[in-house]
Amino acid sequence: MSYDAGEVGRVKEIYRSVQAVIERRLADFRMVWENGTDERIFAEMAFCLLTPQSRARVCWAAIERLADKGLLLAGDESQIMAELTGVRFKIRKAGYIVSAREQFARDGKVGLKNRIARFSSPAGAREWLVKDVKGLGYKEASHFLRNIGLGEDLTILDRHVLKNLKRLEVIQEIPSSLSRKKYLEIEGKMKDFARKVDIPVAHLDLVLWYREAGEVFK
C-alpha cells in the first residue's frame, strides 16, 4: 500500500522533535501500573470515561477535583456531576463513574488491578473492559490500558488520529461509527503503517495526537 509521501515526511519530522517527550510520557504511564494503587488506576478509568467528545485536559482537571475532594471514590452521581465543569454529557458520564466504581468495589475499596492482571494480553483485557464496563468502547478501553502502561500495542482511534490516518492515506475515509470489526481493521492498518515507517505504534498514536493538539498529554 502506498501512503502520502509528503505527509509521511511531516510525521517523521514531528516524531524526531518529540520522541524524547513521548518516551518519558510512556515511561510515566508504565509507572502507574508498576507503582500505582487501585485508586490511581481507577482515576485513569474514570478519566477515560469522561473523554468522549470532551477535551483531555478538561477531563483530567475534573478527575483531580474529584480526587482532591474525596468524591471520586465516595461521591454520588450529583456530587460527581457538579465537578464535571466543561465535560460534555456530564449526567451520563457521572453515572458511568459511579457504575464502574460499584462494579469494582470490595470492602470499601476499589479492587481493579487484580481484575486486569488476570488477562494474558492487553487485547484480552480490552475485550473484557468493552464487554463489562458501561461507557468504555474500544477507543476508551485502549486509552485506559495505555494510560496505565499496558496498552502500548493498542491504538486509540480518536478523531485526531483518524483525521491523520486519512491524511496519510492509511485509510480512505473516516468512518461515521466504529464497530468492533471496523476498529480492529483500522488498528491493523495503523500497525502496518507504524512498522513501515519505523515508529512504534504507541509513539505514532502520540505523534498524531500531538500534531492536532500541540502537546503530549494523556
Protein backbone atom coordinates (compact mmCIF):
# COMPACT_ATOMS: atom_id res chain seq x y z
CA MET A 1 0.00 0.00 0.00
CA SER A 2 1.28 3.48 -0.86
CA TYR A 3 1.00 6.40 1.53
CA ASP A 4 1.16 10.15 1.00
CA ALA A 5 4.93 10.72 0.93
CA GLY A 6 4.70 14.36 1.95
CA GLU A 7 2.51 13.58 4.93
CA VAL A 8 4.79 10.69 5.96
CA GLY A 9 7.75 13.06 5.88
CA ARG A 10 5.94 15.57 8.09
CA VAL A 11 5.01 12.88 10.62
CA LYS A 12 8.61 11.66 10.77
CA GLU A 13 9.81 15.22 11.29
CA ILE A 14 7.36 15.75 14.14
CA TYR A 15 8.41 12.42 15.65
CA ARG A 16 12.07 13.40 15.67
CA SER A 17 11.18 16.61 17.51
CA VAL A 18 9.04 14.99 20.23
CA GLN A 19 10.41 11.44 20.51
CA ALA A 20 12.15 12.07 23.83
CA VAL A 21 9.00 13.63 25.29
CA ILE A 22 6.91 10.67 24.14
CA GLU A 23 9.34 8.17 25.65
CA ARG A 24 9.17 9.95 29.01
CA ARG A 25 5.39 10.06 28.88
CA LEU A 26 5.11 6.34 28.12
CA ALA A 27 7.50 5.65 30.99
CA ASP A 28 5.18 7.66 33.25
CA PHE A 29 2.25 5.52 32.12
CA ARG A 30 4.16 2.30 32.86
CA MET A 31 4.88 3.53 36.37
CA VAL A 32 1.14 3.82 37.01
CA TRP A 33 0.82 0.05 36.68
CA GLU A 34 4.09 -0.80 38.41
CA ASN A 35 3.68 1.51 41.41
CA GLY A 36 0.12 2.82 41.29
CA THR A 37 -2.64 1.94 43.72
CA ASP A 38 -6.04 0.62 42.72
CA GLU A 39 -7.36 4.12 43.39
CA ARG A 40 -4.85 5.65 40.97
CA ILE A 41 -5.75 3.12 38.31
CA PHE A 42 -9.45 3.78 38.85
CA ALA A 43 -8.79 7.51 38.38
CA GLU A 44 -7.43 6.69 34.90
CA MET A 45 -10.52 4.63 34.14
CA ALA A 46 -12.76 7.48 35.25
CA PHE A 47 -10.76 9.90 33.09
CA CYS A 48 -11.26 7.71 30.03
CA LEU A 49 -15.00 7.50 30.77
CA LEU A 50 -15.10 11.31 30.56
CA THR A 51 -13.04 11.85 27.40
CA PRO A 52 -15.50 11.11 24.54
CA GLN A 53 -16.24 14.43 22.80
CA SER A 54 -14.51 16.37 25.57
CA ARG A 55 -11.02 17.87 25.90
CA ALA A 56 -8.48 15.71 27.70
CA ARG A 57 -7.15 18.49 29.93
CA VAL A 58 -10.66 19.49 30.99
CA CYS A 59 -11.44 15.86 31.85
CA TRP A 60 -8.25 15.34 33.85
CA ALA A 61 -8.85 18.58 35.77
CA ALA A 62 -12.28 17.23 36.72
CA ILE A 63 -10.73 13.96 37.93
CA GLU A 64 -8.22 15.88 40.04
CA ARG A 65 -11.01 17.92 41.62
CA LEU A 66 -12.99 14.79 42.40
CA ALA A 67 -9.95 13.08 43.93
CA ASP A 68 -8.97 16.14 45.98
CA LYS A 69 -12.48 16.36 47.44
CA GLY A 70 -12.76 12.64 48.12
CA LEU A 71 -15.64 12.35 45.68
CA LEU A 72 -14.11 10.03 43.11
CA LEU A 73 -14.43 7.07 45.46
CA ALA A 74 -17.29 8.28 47.66
CA GLY A 75 -19.38 10.88 45.83
CA ASP A 76 -22.85 10.20 44.50
CA GLU A 77 -23.85 10.98 40.92
CA SER A 78 -24.99 14.54 41.66
CA GLN A 79 -21.80 15.36 43.56
CA ILE A 80 -19.64 13.96 40.78
CA MET A 81 -21.66 15.72 38.08
CA ALA A 82 -21.18 19.07 39.83
CA GLU A 83 -17.42 18.75 39.38
CA LEU A 84 -17.55 17.93 35.66
CA THR A 85 -17.23 21.52 34.51
CA GLY A 86 -16.62 21.66 30.77
CA VAL A 87 -17.21 17.94 30.26
CA ARG A 88 -19.91 17.11 27.72
CA PHE A 89 -22.75 14.71 28.64
CA LYS A 90 -21.89 15.10 32.32
CA ILE A 91 -25.08 13.44 33.62
CA ARG A 92 -24.44 10.25 31.68
CA LYS A 93 -20.72 10.22 32.46
CA ALA A 94 -21.23 10.77 36.19
CA GLY A 95 -23.41 7.67 36.07
CA TYR A 96 -20.67 5.73 34.28
CA ILE A 97 -18.15 6.60 37.01
CA VAL A 98 -20.49 5.51 39.80
CA SER A 99 -21.40 2.32 37.94
CA ALA A 100 -17.73 1.42 37.39
CA ARG A 101 -16.88 2.19 41.00
CA GLU A 102 -19.68 -0.07 42.25
CA GLN A 103 -18.58 -2.81 39.86
CA PHE A 104 -15.04 -2.91 41.25
CA ALA A 105 -15.71 -2.01 44.91
CA ARG A 106 -14.68 -4.57 47.51
CA ASP A 107 -14.83 -3.88 51.25
CA GLY A 108 -14.99 -0.14 50.71
CA LYS A 109 -12.04 -0.12 48.30
CA VAL A 110 -11.78 -0.25 44.53
CA GLY A 111 -10.27 -3.59 43.51
CA LEU A 112 -9.27 -3.15 39.88
CA LYS A 113 -5.63 -4.10 39.46
CA ASN A 114 -6.06 -7.81 40.14
CA ARG A 115 -9.01 -7.98 37.76
CA ILE A 116 -6.87 -6.63 34.92
CA ALA A 117 -3.84 -8.75 35.82
CA ARG A 118 -5.87 -11.93 35.13
CA PHE A 119 -5.50 -11.39 31.39
CA SER A 120 -2.53 -12.70 29.46
CA SER A 121 -2.63 -9.84 26.95
CA PRO A 122 -3.79 -6.22 26.76
CA ALA A 123 -6.05 -7.18 23.86
CA GLY A 124 -7.80 -9.71 26.10
CA ALA A 125 -8.18 -7.12 28.85
CA ARG A 126 -9.62 -4.70 26.32
CA GLU A 127 -12.28 -7.17 25.20
CA TRP A 128 -13.32 -7.68 28.81
CA LEU A 129 -13.46 -3.94 29.53
CA VAL A 130 -15.56 -3.22 26.45
CA LYS A 131 -17.96 -6.04 27.29
CA ASP A 132 -18.29 -5.42 31.03
CA VAL A 133 -17.70 -1.73 31.80
CA LYS A 134 -20.51 0.61 30.84
CA GLY A 135 -19.19 3.61 28.90
CA LEU A 136 -15.96 2.03 27.66
CA GLY A 137 -15.78 1.35 23.94
CA TYR A 138 -12.68 0.15 22.11
CA LYS A 139 -11.19 3.63 21.96
CA GLU A 140 -11.74 4.36 25.65
CA ALA A 141 -10.60 0.90 26.80
CA SER A 142 -7.44 1.22 24.67
CA HIS A 143 -6.83 4.69 26.10
CA PHE A 144 -7.25 3.42 29.66
CA LEU A 145 -4.85 0.50 29.17
CA ARG A 146 -2.26 2.74 27.51
CA ASN A 147 -2.53 5.25 30.37
CA ILE A 148 -1.79 2.55 32.94
CA GLY A 149 1.16 1.23 30.95
CA LEU A 150 -0.43 -1.89 29.47
CA GLY A 151 -1.67 -0.79 26.06
CA GLU A 152 1.38 0.21 24.03
CA ASP A 153 0.42 -2.29 21.32
CA LEU A 154 -3.15 -0.98 21.12
CA THR A 155 -4.36 2.01 19.14
CA ILE A 156 -6.54 4.88 20.35
CA LEU A 157 -8.64 5.75 17.33
CA ASP A 158 -9.92 9.16 18.37
CA ARG A 159 -10.81 11.95 15.96
CA HIS A 160 -7.24 13.35 15.91
CA VAL A 161 -5.73 10.01 14.99
CA LEU A 162 -8.40 9.14 12.40
CA LYS A 163 -8.03 12.55 10.75
CA ASN A 164 -4.29 11.99 10.35
CA LEU A 165 -4.63 8.42 9.17
CA LYS A 166 -6.80 9.75 6.36
CA ARG A 167 -4.23 12.47 5.57
CA LEU A 168 -1.54 9.81 5.40
CA GLU A 169 -3.80 7.66 3.18
CA VAL A 170 -3.66 4.80 5.67
CA ILE A 171 -7.46 4.89 5.47
CA GLN A 172 -9.53 6.32 2.63
CA GLU A 173 -12.29 7.79 4.77
CA ILE A 174 -13.16 8.44 8.39
CA PRO A 175 -15.97 6.07 9.36
CA SER A 176 -19.13 7.56 10.82
CA SER A 177 -19.05 4.91 13.54
CA LEU A 178 -16.59 2.27 14.72
CA SER A 179 -17.90 -1.26 15.14
CA ARG A 180 -15.56 -3.84 16.64
CA LYS A 181 -14.76 -5.14 13.15
CA LYS A 182 -14.01 -1.67 11.77
CA TYR A 183 -11.96 -0.66 14.82
CA LEU A 184 -9.74 -3.75 14.55
CA GLU A 185 -9.44 -3.32 10.79
CA ILE A 186 -8.17 0.26 11.13
CA GLU A 187 -5.97 -0.72 14.08
CA GLY A 188 -4.34 -3.34 11.87
CA LYS A 189 -3.72 -0.79 9.11
CA MET A 190 -2.22 1.66 11.62
CA LYS A 191 0.11 -1.04 12.97
CA ASP A 192 1.21 -1.93 9.43
CA PHE A 193 1.92 1.72 8.75
CA ALA A 194 3.85 2.09 12.01
CA ARG A 195 6.08 -0.84 11.07
CA LYS A 196 6.73 0.52 7.59
CA VAL A 197 7.73 3.98 8.82
CA ASP A 198 9.68 2.54 11.80
CA ILE A 199 7.73 4.36 14.51
CA PRO A 200 6.41 2.22 17.40
CA VAL A 201 2.63 2.25 17.29
CA ALA A 202 2.34 3.72 20.82
CA HIS A 203 4.66 6.54 19.73
CA LEU A 204 2.74 7.05 16.50
CA ASP A 205 -0.50 7.48 18.39
CA LEU A 206 1.00 10.29 20.45
CA VAL A 207 2.70 11.85 17.41
CA LEU A 208 -0.61 12.11 15.58
CA TRP A 209 -2.32 13.44 18.70
CA TYR A 210 0.47 15.98 19.16
CA ARG A 211 0.08 17.12 15.57
CA GLU A 212 -3.50 18.17 16.24
CA ALA A 213 -3.41 19.16 19.92
CA GLY A 214 0.09 20.64 20.07
CA GLU A 215 1.13 18.68 23.19
CA VAL A 216 1.88 15.22 24.50
CA PHE A 217 -0.57 14.76 27.34
CA LYS A 218 -2.70 11.70 28.14
